[in-house]
Amino acid sequence: MRELVATASRILAGTGHDDLIWGHASVRDPDGRGVWIKSAEWGLGEVTPDRVHLVDGEGRVLSGGGARHSEYPIHTEIMAARPDVGGVVHTHPPHAVALAASGQPLLPVSHAANAFVPPEVPRFTETADLILTPELGEAVARTLGDARAMFLVNHGIVAVGETLQAATVAAVLLERACAQQLLTRSAGGWPTWSDPEESLAKRGHIYHDGAVAAVWEHLVRQHAGDHGAA
């Protein structure tokens, strides 16, 4: 679990999600004790296995050292609400933050966006402050619903997956999709995008489980450094 969180964190750092010491990824503990998540006060690119600890639903550090991230309820409450989720990513990537703050919905102007829409990517607007309590974590989980990703408007994103590998790939794709949409808008003219039927077809053709697994391995080769595949 520690190795996997470290690998995912380093991938996120290398793909536009680095935000100084903020942002975190987690994996569900296989014994149901909580989530394995990086400790606070380290950047995503600095995460090594010994900087990952086990945090339960009440915020207690059960294994490992280091300061606990205050936004642990994002992870624990989504895990509680979504038994299908094995990994959660919360980061502050610049293009996704900008697109969400603009009020524009994510549109399938690119391959990457088809991984998420339709339906529309959920938008959490109850607060742009940190998610510091289980109650706010529950509200985030409700807004996420059964989606793969969501915007925390004026704050960041959440991406989830059956595994942390899949959640990490989703986070990478969401930031790429938002960057491509902002680039398209900046070009002027009349943007075009896929209709729902074509978007769903492209999702099946491009983002099937085998492709997502291959993308993860590609990202490991590019960004994981000496920590290897998890």
C-alpha atoms as a PDB file:
ATOM      1  CA  MET A   1       0.000   0.000   0.000  1.00  0.00           C
ATOM      2  CA  ARG A   2       2.791   2.425   0.857  1.00  0.00           C
ATOM      3  CA  GLU A   3       4.630   1.732  -2.385  1.00  0.00           C
ATOM      4  CA  LEU A   4       1.469   2.213  -4.447  1.00  0.00           C
ATOM      5  CA  VAL A   5       0.612   5.570  -2.849  1.00  0.00           C
ATOM      6  CA  ALA A   6       4.195   6.755  -3.333  1.00  0.00           C
ATOM      7  CA  THR A   7       4.150   5.741  -6.998  1.00  0.00           C
ATOM      8  CA  ALA A   8       0.789   7.418  -7.646  1.00  0.00           C
ATOM      9  CA  SER A   9       1.935  10.589  -5.897  1.00  0.00           C
ATOM     10  CA  ARG A  10       5.065  10.853  -8.003  1.00  0.00           C
ATOM     11  CA  ILE A  11       3.029  10.309 -11.177  1.00  0.00           C
ATOM     12  CA  LEU A  12       0.629  13.077 -10.166  1.00  0.00           C
ATOM     13  CA  ALA A  13       3.551  15.406  -9.480  1.00  0.00           C
ATOM     14  CA  GLY A  14       4.911  14.756 -12.955  1.00  0.00           C
ATOM     15  CA  THR A  15       1.627  15.286 -14.783  1.00  0.00           C
ATOM     16  CA  GLY A  16       0.636  18.783 -13.692  1.00  0.00           C
ATOM     17  CA  HIS A  17      -0.925  18.093 -10.282  1.00  0.00           C
ATOM     18  CA  ASP A  18       1.910  19.322  -8.072  1.00  0.00           C
ATOM     19  CA  ASP A  19       0.900  22.137  -5.696  1.00  0.00           C
ATOM     20  CA  LEU A  20       3.794  22.623  -3.286  1.00  0.00           C
ATOM     21  CA  ILE A  21       2.942  20.428  -0.257  1.00  0.00           C
ATOM     22  CA  TRP A  22      -0.784  20.084  -1.007  1.00  0.00           C
ATOM     23  CA  GLY A  23      -2.758  17.326  -2.676  1.00  0.00           C
ATOM     24  CA  HIS A  24      -2.997  13.645  -1.791  1.00  0.00           C
ATOM     25  CA  ALA A  25      -3.864  10.182  -3.039  1.00  0.00           C
ATOM     26  CA  SER A  26      -5.125   7.228  -1.040  1.00  0.00           C
ATOM     27  CA  VAL A  27      -5.809   3.519  -1.325  1.00  0.00           C
ATOM     28  CA  ARG A  28      -8.357   1.533   0.664  1.00  0.00           C
ATOM     29  CA  ASP A  29      -6.832  -0.621   3.394  1.00  0.00           C
ATOM     30  CA  PRO A  30      -7.515  -4.258   2.457  1.00  0.00           C
ATOM     31  CA  ASP A  31      -8.393  -5.065   6.089  1.00  0.00           C
ATOM     32  CA  GLY A  32     -10.992  -2.291   6.345  1.00  0.00           C
ATOM     33  CA  ARG A  33      -9.045  -0.149   8.808  1.00  0.00           C
ATOM     34  CA  GLY A  34      -9.150   3.073   6.773  1.00  0.00           C
ATOM     35  CA  VAL A  35      -6.999   4.532   3.991  1.00  0.00           C
ATOM     36  CA  TRP A  36      -3.306   4.616   3.225  1.00  0.00           C
ATOM     37  CA  ILE A  37      -2.449   8.234   2.369  1.00  0.00           C
ATOM     38  CA  LYS A  38       0.674  10.345   2.163  1.00  0.00           C
ATOM     39  CA  SER A  39       1.615  12.287   5.264  1.00  0.00           C
ATOM     40  CA  ALA A  40       1.314  16.079   5.215  1.00  0.00           C
ATOM     41  CA  GLU A  41       4.121  18.580   4.704  1.00  0.00           C
ATOM     42  CA  TRP A  42       5.613  16.774   1.697  1.00  0.00           C
ATOM     43  CA  GLY A  43       5.112  17.542  -1.973  1.00  0.00           C
ATOM     44  CA  LEU A  44       3.649  14.847  -4.197  1.00  0.00           C
ATOM     45  CA  GLY A  45       7.003  14.382  -5.894  1.00  0.00           C
ATOM     46  CA  GLU A  46       8.712  13.783  -2.547  1.00  0.00           C
ATOM     47  CA  VAL A  47       6.503  10.928  -1.417  1.00  0.00           C
ATOM     48  CA  THR A  48       8.357   7.734  -0.559  1.00  0.00           C
ATOM     49  CA  PRO A  49       6.843   4.643   1.078  1.00  0.00           C
ATOM     50  CA  ASP A  50       7.966   5.746   4.534  1.00  0.00           C
ATOM     51  CA  ARG A  51       5.996   8.994   4.088  1.00  0.00           C
ATOM     52  CA  VAL A  52       2.695   7.117   3.744  1.00  0.00           C
ATOM     53  CA  HIS A  53       0.552   6.203   6.734  1.00  0.00           C
ATOM     54  CA  LEU A  54      -2.742   4.508   7.599  1.00  0.00           C
ATOM     55  CA  VAL A  55      -5.578   6.800   8.733  1.00  0.00           C
ATOM     56  CA  ASP A  56      -8.950   5.602  10.005  1.00  0.00           C
ATOM     57  CA  GLY A  57     -12.366   7.217   9.617  1.00  0.00           C
ATOM     58  CA  GLU A  58     -11.883   9.307  12.760  1.00  0.00           C
ATOM     59  CA  GLY A  59      -8.570  10.692  11.567  1.00  0.00           C
ATOM     60  CA  ARG A  60      -6.356   8.574  13.804  1.00  0.00           C
ATOM     61  CA  VAL A  61      -2.993   7.514  12.409  1.00  0.00           C
ATOM     62  CA  LEU A  62      -2.905   3.763  12.969  1.00  0.00           C
ATOM     63  CA  SER A  63       0.388   2.918  11.293  1.00  0.00           C
ATOM     64  CA  GLY A  64       3.321   5.046  10.219  1.00  0.00           C
ATOM     65  CA  GLY A  65       4.425   8.506  11.224  1.00  0.00           C
ATOM     66  CA  GLY A  66       4.219  12.078  10.046  1.00  0.00           C
ATOM     67  CA  ALA A  67       1.547  14.747  10.228  1.00  0.00           C
ATOM     68  CA  ARG A  68      -1.907  13.769   8.986  1.00  0.00           C
ATOM     69  CA  HIS A  69      -3.551  15.674   6.140  1.00  0.00           C
ATOM     70  CA  SER A  70      -6.510  17.690   7.417  1.00  0.00           C
ATOM     71  CA  GLU A  71      -8.633  16.744   4.387  1.00  0.00           C
ATOM     72  CA  TYR A  72      -8.587  13.024   5.129  1.00  0.00           C
ATOM     73  CA  PRO A  73     -12.464  13.043   5.232  1.00  0.00           C
ATOM     74  CA  ILE A  74     -12.510  13.382   1.428  1.00  0.00           C
ATOM     75  CA  HIS A  75     -10.943   9.943   1.245  1.00  0.00           C
ATOM     76  CA  THR A  76     -12.574   8.157   4.153  1.00  0.00           C
ATOM     77  CA  GLU A  77     -16.107   9.359   3.414  1.00  0.00           C
ATOM     78  CA  ILE A  78     -15.943   8.571  -0.303  1.00  0.00           C
ATOM     79  CA  MET A  79     -14.646   5.107   0.563  1.00  0.00           C
ATOM     80  CA  ALA A  80     -17.514   4.670   3.036  1.00  0.00           C
ATOM     81  CA  ALA A  81     -20.124   5.768   0.484  1.00  0.00           C
ATOM     82  CA  ARG A  82     -18.648   3.923  -2.514  1.00  0.00           C
ATOM     83  CA  PRO A  83     -17.751   0.262  -1.867  1.00  0.00           C
ATOM     84  CA  ASP A  84     -16.655   0.065  -5.518  1.00  0.00           C
ATOM     85  CA  VAL A  85     -13.904   2.655  -4.967  1.00  0.00           C
ATOM     86  CA  GLY A  86     -10.435   1.449  -4.028  1.00  0.00           C
ATOM     87  CA  GLY A  87      -8.483   4.645  -4.672  1.00  0.00           C
ATOM     88  CA  VAL A  88      -9.102   8.390  -4.338  1.00  0.00           C
ATOM     89  CA  VAL A  89      -7.091  11.356  -5.642  1.00  0.00           C
ATOM     90  CA  HIS A  90      -7.562  14.953  -4.510  1.00  0.00           C
ATOM     91  CA  THR A  91      -5.343  17.570  -6.147  1.00  0.00           C
ATOM     92  CA  HIS A  92      -5.382  21.179  -7.362  1.00  0.00           C
ATOM     93  CA  PRO A  93      -4.371  21.010 -11.041  1.00  0.00           C
ATOM     94  CA  PRO A  94      -4.412  24.487 -12.628  1.00  0.00           C
ATOM     95  CA  HIS A  95      -6.418  23.854 -15.793  1.00  0.00           C
ATOM     96  CA  ALA A  96      -9.157  21.924 -14.005  1.00  0.00           C
ATOM     97  CA  VAL A  97      -9.400  24.597 -11.312  1.00  0.00           C
ATOM     98  CA  ALA A  98      -9.604  27.315 -13.981  1.00  0.00           C
ATOM     99  CA  LEU A  99     -12.243  25.562 -16.072  1.00  0.00           C
ATOM    100  CA  ALA A 100     -14.446  24.828 -13.062  1.00  0.00           C
ATOM    101  CA  ALA A 101     -14.146  28.406 -11.790  1.00  0.00           C
ATOM    102  CA  SER A 102     -15.163  29.741 -15.207  1.00  0.00           C
ATOM    103  CA  GLY A 103     -18.519  28.010 -14.924  1.00  0.00           C
ATOM    104  CA  GLN A 104     -18.016  26.091 -18.171  1.00  0.00           C
ATOM    105  CA  PRO A 105     -18.998  22.435 -18.124  1.00  0.00           C
ATOM    106  CA  LEU A 106     -16.426  19.985 -19.379  1.00  0.00           C
ATOM    107  CA  LEU A 107     -17.231  19.242 -23.026  1.00  0.00           C
ATOM    108  CA  PRO A 108     -15.990  16.311 -25.142  1.00  0.00           C
ATOM    109  CA  VAL A 109     -13.777  18.417 -27.386  1.00  0.00           C
ATOM    110  CA  SER A 110     -10.974  15.852 -26.969  1.00  0.00           C
ATOM    111  CA  HIS A 111     -10.428  12.151 -26.427  1.00  0.00           C
ATOM    112  CA  ALA A 112      -9.631  12.772 -22.749  1.00  0.00           C
ATOM    113  CA  ALA A 113     -12.963  14.432 -22.007  1.00  0.00           C
ATOM    114  CA  ASN A 114     -14.845  11.410 -23.310  1.00  0.00           C
ATOM    115  CA  ALA A 115     -13.598   9.485 -20.297  1.00  0.00           C
ATOM    116  CA  PHE A 116     -15.985  11.577 -18.175  1.00  0.00           C
ATOM    117  CA  VAL A 117     -18.844  13.075 -20.208  1.00  0.00           C
ATOM    118  CA  PRO A 118     -21.626  12.343 -20.595  1.00  0.00           C
ATOM    119  CA  PRO A 119     -23.044  12.842 -18.012  1.00  0.00           C
ATOM    120  CA  GLU A 120     -21.806  16.239 -16.846  1.00  0.00           C
ATOM    121  CA  VAL A 121     -18.947  16.186 -14.350  1.00  0.00           C
ATOM    122  CA  PRO A 122     -20.419  16.954 -10.893  1.00  0.00           C
ATOM    123  CA  ARG A 123     -19.573  20.304  -9.268  1.00  0.00           C
ATOM    124  CA  PHE A 124     -19.246  20.680  -5.498  1.00  0.00           C
ATOM    125  CA  THR A 125     -20.119  24.251  -4.503  1.00  0.00           C
ATOM    126  CA  GLU A 126     -21.104  24.036  -0.821  1.00  0.00           C
ATOM    127  CA  THR A 127     -17.719  25.494   0.115  1.00  0.00           C
ATOM    128  CA  ALA A 128     -14.391  26.253  -1.552  1.00  0.00           C
ATOM    129  CA  ASP A 129     -12.676  25.897   1.831  1.00  0.00           C
ATOM    130  CA  LEU A 130     -10.903  22.743   2.959  1.00  0.00           C
ATOM    131  CA  ILE A 131     -12.939  19.598   3.570  1.00  0.00           C
ATOM    132  CA  LEU A 132     -12.112  19.303   7.258  1.00  0.00           C
ATOM    133  CA  THR A 133     -15.031  17.365   8.767  1.00  0.00           C
ATOM    134  CA  PRO A 134     -16.740  14.039   8.147  1.00  0.00           C
ATOM    135  CA  GLU A 135     -19.937  15.976   7.411  1.00  0.00           C
ATOM    136  CA  LEU A 136     -18.278  17.894   4.585  1.00  0.00           C
ATOM    137  CA  GLY A 137     -16.685  14.668   3.397  1.00  0.00           C
ATOM    138  CA  GLU A 138     -20.132  13.086   3.254  1.00  0.00           C
ATOM    139  CA  ALA A 139     -21.389  16.071   1.247  1.00  0.00           C
ATOM    140  CA  VAL A 140     -18.528  15.657  -1.226  1.00  0.00           C
ATOM    141  CA  ALA A 141     -19.354  11.954  -1.566  1.00  0.00           C
ATOM    142  CA  ARG A 142     -23.038  12.765  -2.197  1.00  0.00           C
ATOM    143  CA  THR A 143     -22.165  15.243  -4.934  1.00  0.00           C
ATOM    144  CA  LEU A 144     -19.750  12.779  -6.524  1.00  0.00           C
ATOM    145  CA  GLY A 145     -22.499  10.147  -6.645  1.00  0.00           C
ATOM    146  CA  ASP A 146     -21.447   7.327  -8.942  1.00  0.00           C
ATOM    147  CA  ALA A 147     -19.201   9.533 -11.107  1.00  0.00           C
ATOM    148  CA  ARG A 148     -15.503   8.927 -11.722  1.00  0.00           C
ATOM    149  CA  ALA A 149     -14.467  12.527 -11.047  1.00  0.00           C
ATOM    150  CA  MET A 150     -15.774  15.857  -9.813  1.00  0.00           C
ATOM    151  CA  PHE A 151     -14.822  19.501  -9.542  1.00  0.00           C
ATOM    152  CA  LEU A 152     -14.489  21.112  -6.124  1.00  0.00           C
ATOM    153  CA  VAL A 153     -15.193  24.566  -7.540  1.00  0.00           C
ATOM    154  CA  ASN A 154     -12.522  27.177  -6.673  1.00  0.00           C
ATOM    155  CA  HIS A 155     -10.570  24.429  -4.924  1.00  0.00           C
ATOM    156  CA  GLY A 156      -9.527  21.352  -6.921  1.00  0.00           C
ATOM    157  CA  ILE A 157     -10.667  17.963  -8.165  1.00  0.00           C
ATOM    158  CA  VAL A 158     -11.497  14.510  -6.877  1.00  0.00           C
ATOM    159  CA  ALA A 159     -10.968  11.420  -9.010  1.00  0.00           C
ATOM    160  CA  VAL A 160     -11.804   7.861  -7.994  1.00  0.00           C
ATOM    161  CA  GLY A 161     -11.353   4.363  -9.335  1.00  0.00           C
ATOM    162  CA  GLU A 162     -11.735   0.725  -8.501  1.00  0.00           C
ATOM    163  CA  THR A 163      -8.000   0.915  -7.775  1.00  0.00           C
ATOM    164  CA  LEU A 164      -5.634   3.770  -7.036  1.00  0.00           C
ATOM    165  CA  GLN A 165      -4.053   3.077 -10.413  1.00  0.00           C
ATOM    166  CA  ALA A 166      -7.385   3.782 -12.145  1.00  0.00           C
ATOM    167  CA  ALA A 167      -8.058   6.849  -9.975  1.00  0.00           C
ATOM    168  CA  THR A 168      -4.637   8.262 -10.848  1.00  0.00           C
ATOM    169  CA  VAL A 169      -5.199   7.760 -14.562  1.00  0.00           C
ATOM    170  CA  ALA A 170      -8.600   9.478 -14.213  1.00  0.00           C
ATOM    171  CA  ALA A 171      -7.009  12.472 -12.489  1.00  0.00           C
ATOM    172  CA  VAL A 172      -4.377  12.753 -15.217  1.00  0.00           C
ATOM    173  CA  LEU A 173      -7.014  12.541 -17.955  1.00  0.00           C
ATOM    174  CA  LEU A 174      -9.272  15.128 -16.299  1.00  0.00           C
ATOM    175  CA  GLU A 175      -6.519  17.740 -16.152  1.00  0.00           C
ATOM    176  CA  ARG A 176      -5.574  17.012 -19.778  1.00  0.00           C
ATOM    177  CA  ALA A 177      -9.216  17.335 -20.834  1.00  0.00           C
ATOM    178  CA  CYS A 178      -9.588  20.685 -19.079  1.00  0.00           C
ATOM    179  CA  ALA A 179      -6.358  22.010 -20.591  1.00  0.00           C
ATOM    180  CA  GLN A 180      -7.495  20.977 -24.066  1.00  0.00           C
ATOM    181  CA  GLN A 181     -10.853  22.680 -23.615  1.00  0.00           C
ATOM    182  CA  LEU A 182      -9.262  25.935 -22.438  1.00  0.00           C
ATOM    183  CA  LEU A 183      -6.915  25.810 -25.441  1.00  0.00           C
ATOM    184  CA  THR A 184      -9.862  25.208 -27.771  1.00  0.00           C
ATOM    185  CA  ARG A 185     -11.797  28.127 -26.299  1.00  0.00           C
ATOM    186  CA  SER A 186      -8.785  30.422 -26.602  1.00  0.00           C
ATOM    187  CA  ALA A 187      -8.481  29.711 -30.334  1.00  0.00           C
ATOM    188  CA  GLY A 188     -11.749  31.506 -31.108  1.00  0.00           C
ATOM    189  CA  GLY A 189     -14.174  30.399 -33.786  1.00  0.00           C
ATOM    190  CA  TRP A 190     -16.879  27.839 -33.117  1.00  0.00           C
ATOM    191  CA  PRO A 191     -15.766  24.879 -30.990  1.00  0.00           C
ATOM    192  CA  THR A 192     -17.120  21.462 -31.880  1.00  0.00           C
ATOM    193  CA  TRP A 193     -17.488  18.356 -29.740  1.00  0.00           C
ATOM    194  CA  SER A 194     -18.797  14.811 -29.871  1.00  0.00           C
ATOM    195  CA  ASP A 195     -22.468  14.109 -29.293  1.00  0.00           C
ATOM    196  CA  PRO A 196     -23.383  11.778 -26.386  1.00  0.00           C
ATOM    197  CA  GLU A 197     -23.613   8.663 -28.529  1.00  0.00           C
ATOM    198  CA  GLU A 198     -20.187   9.205 -30.054  1.00  0.00           C
ATOM    199  CA  SER A 199     -18.694  10.121 -26.670  1.00  0.00           C
ATOM    200  CA  LEU A 200     -19.885   6.904 -25.084  1.00  0.00           C
ATOM    201  CA  ALA A 201     -18.604   4.891 -28.039  1.00  0.00           C
ATOM    202  CA  LYS A 202     -15.205   6.557 -27.798  1.00  0.00           C
ATOM    203  CA  ARG A 203     -15.098   5.855 -24.060  1.00  0.00           C
ATOM    204  CA  GLY A 204     -15.552   2.170 -24.722  1.00  0.00           C
ATOM    205  CA  HIS A 205     -12.996   2.123 -27.536  1.00  0.00           C
ATOM    206  CA  ILE A 206     -10.304   4.181 -25.795  1.00  0.00           C
ATOM    207  CA  TYR A 207     -10.682   3.817 -22.020  1.00  0.00           C
ATOM    208  CA  HIS A 208     -11.423   0.144 -21.483  1.00  0.00           C
ATOM    209  CA  ASP A 209      -9.743  -1.569 -18.526  1.00  0.00           C
ATOM    210  CA  GLY A 210      -6.830  -2.881 -20.555  1.00  0.00           C
ATOM    211  CA  ALA A 211      -6.001   0.561 -21.908  1.00  0.00           C
ATOM    212  CA  VAL A 212      -6.216   2.158 -18.457  1.00  0.00           C
ATOM    213  CA  ALA A 213      -3.816  -0.479 -17.100  1.00  0.00           C
ATOM    214  CA  ALA A 214      -1.405   0.210 -19.978  1.00  0.00           C
ATOM    215  CA  VAL A 215      -1.616   3.968 -19.356  1.00  0.00           C
ATOM    216  CA  TRP A 216      -0.723   3.367 -15.696  1.00  0.00           C
ATOM    217  CA  GLU A 217       2.353   1.371 -16.693  1.00  0.00           C
ATOM    218  CA  HIS A 218       3.329   4.109 -19.152  1.00  0.00           C
ATOM    219  CA  LEU A 219       3.036   6.714 -16.395  1.00  0.00           C
ATOM    220  CA  VAL A 220       5.105   4.555 -14.056  1.00  0.00           C
ATOM    221  CA  ARG A 221       7.866   4.333 -16.660  1.00  0.00           C
ATOM    222  CA  GLN A 222       7.784   8.095 -17.182  1.00  0.00           C
ATOM    223  CA  HIS A 223       7.419   9.407 -13.654  1.00  0.00           C
ATOM    224  CA  ALA A 224       7.916   6.859 -10.895  1.00  0.00           C
ATOM    225  CA  GLY A 225      11.679   7.157 -10.762  1.00  0.00           C
ATOM    226  CA  ASP A 226      13.405   4.538  -8.652  1.00  0.00           C
ATOM    227  CA  HIS A 227      10.215   3.423  -6.922  1.00  0.00           C
ATOM    228  CA  GLY A 228       9.098   1.148  -9.785  1.00  0.00           C
ATOM    229  CA  ALA A 229       5.673  -0.225 -10.607  1.00  0.00           C
ATOM    230  CA  ALA A 230       3.291  -0.992  -7.774  1.00  0.00           C
END
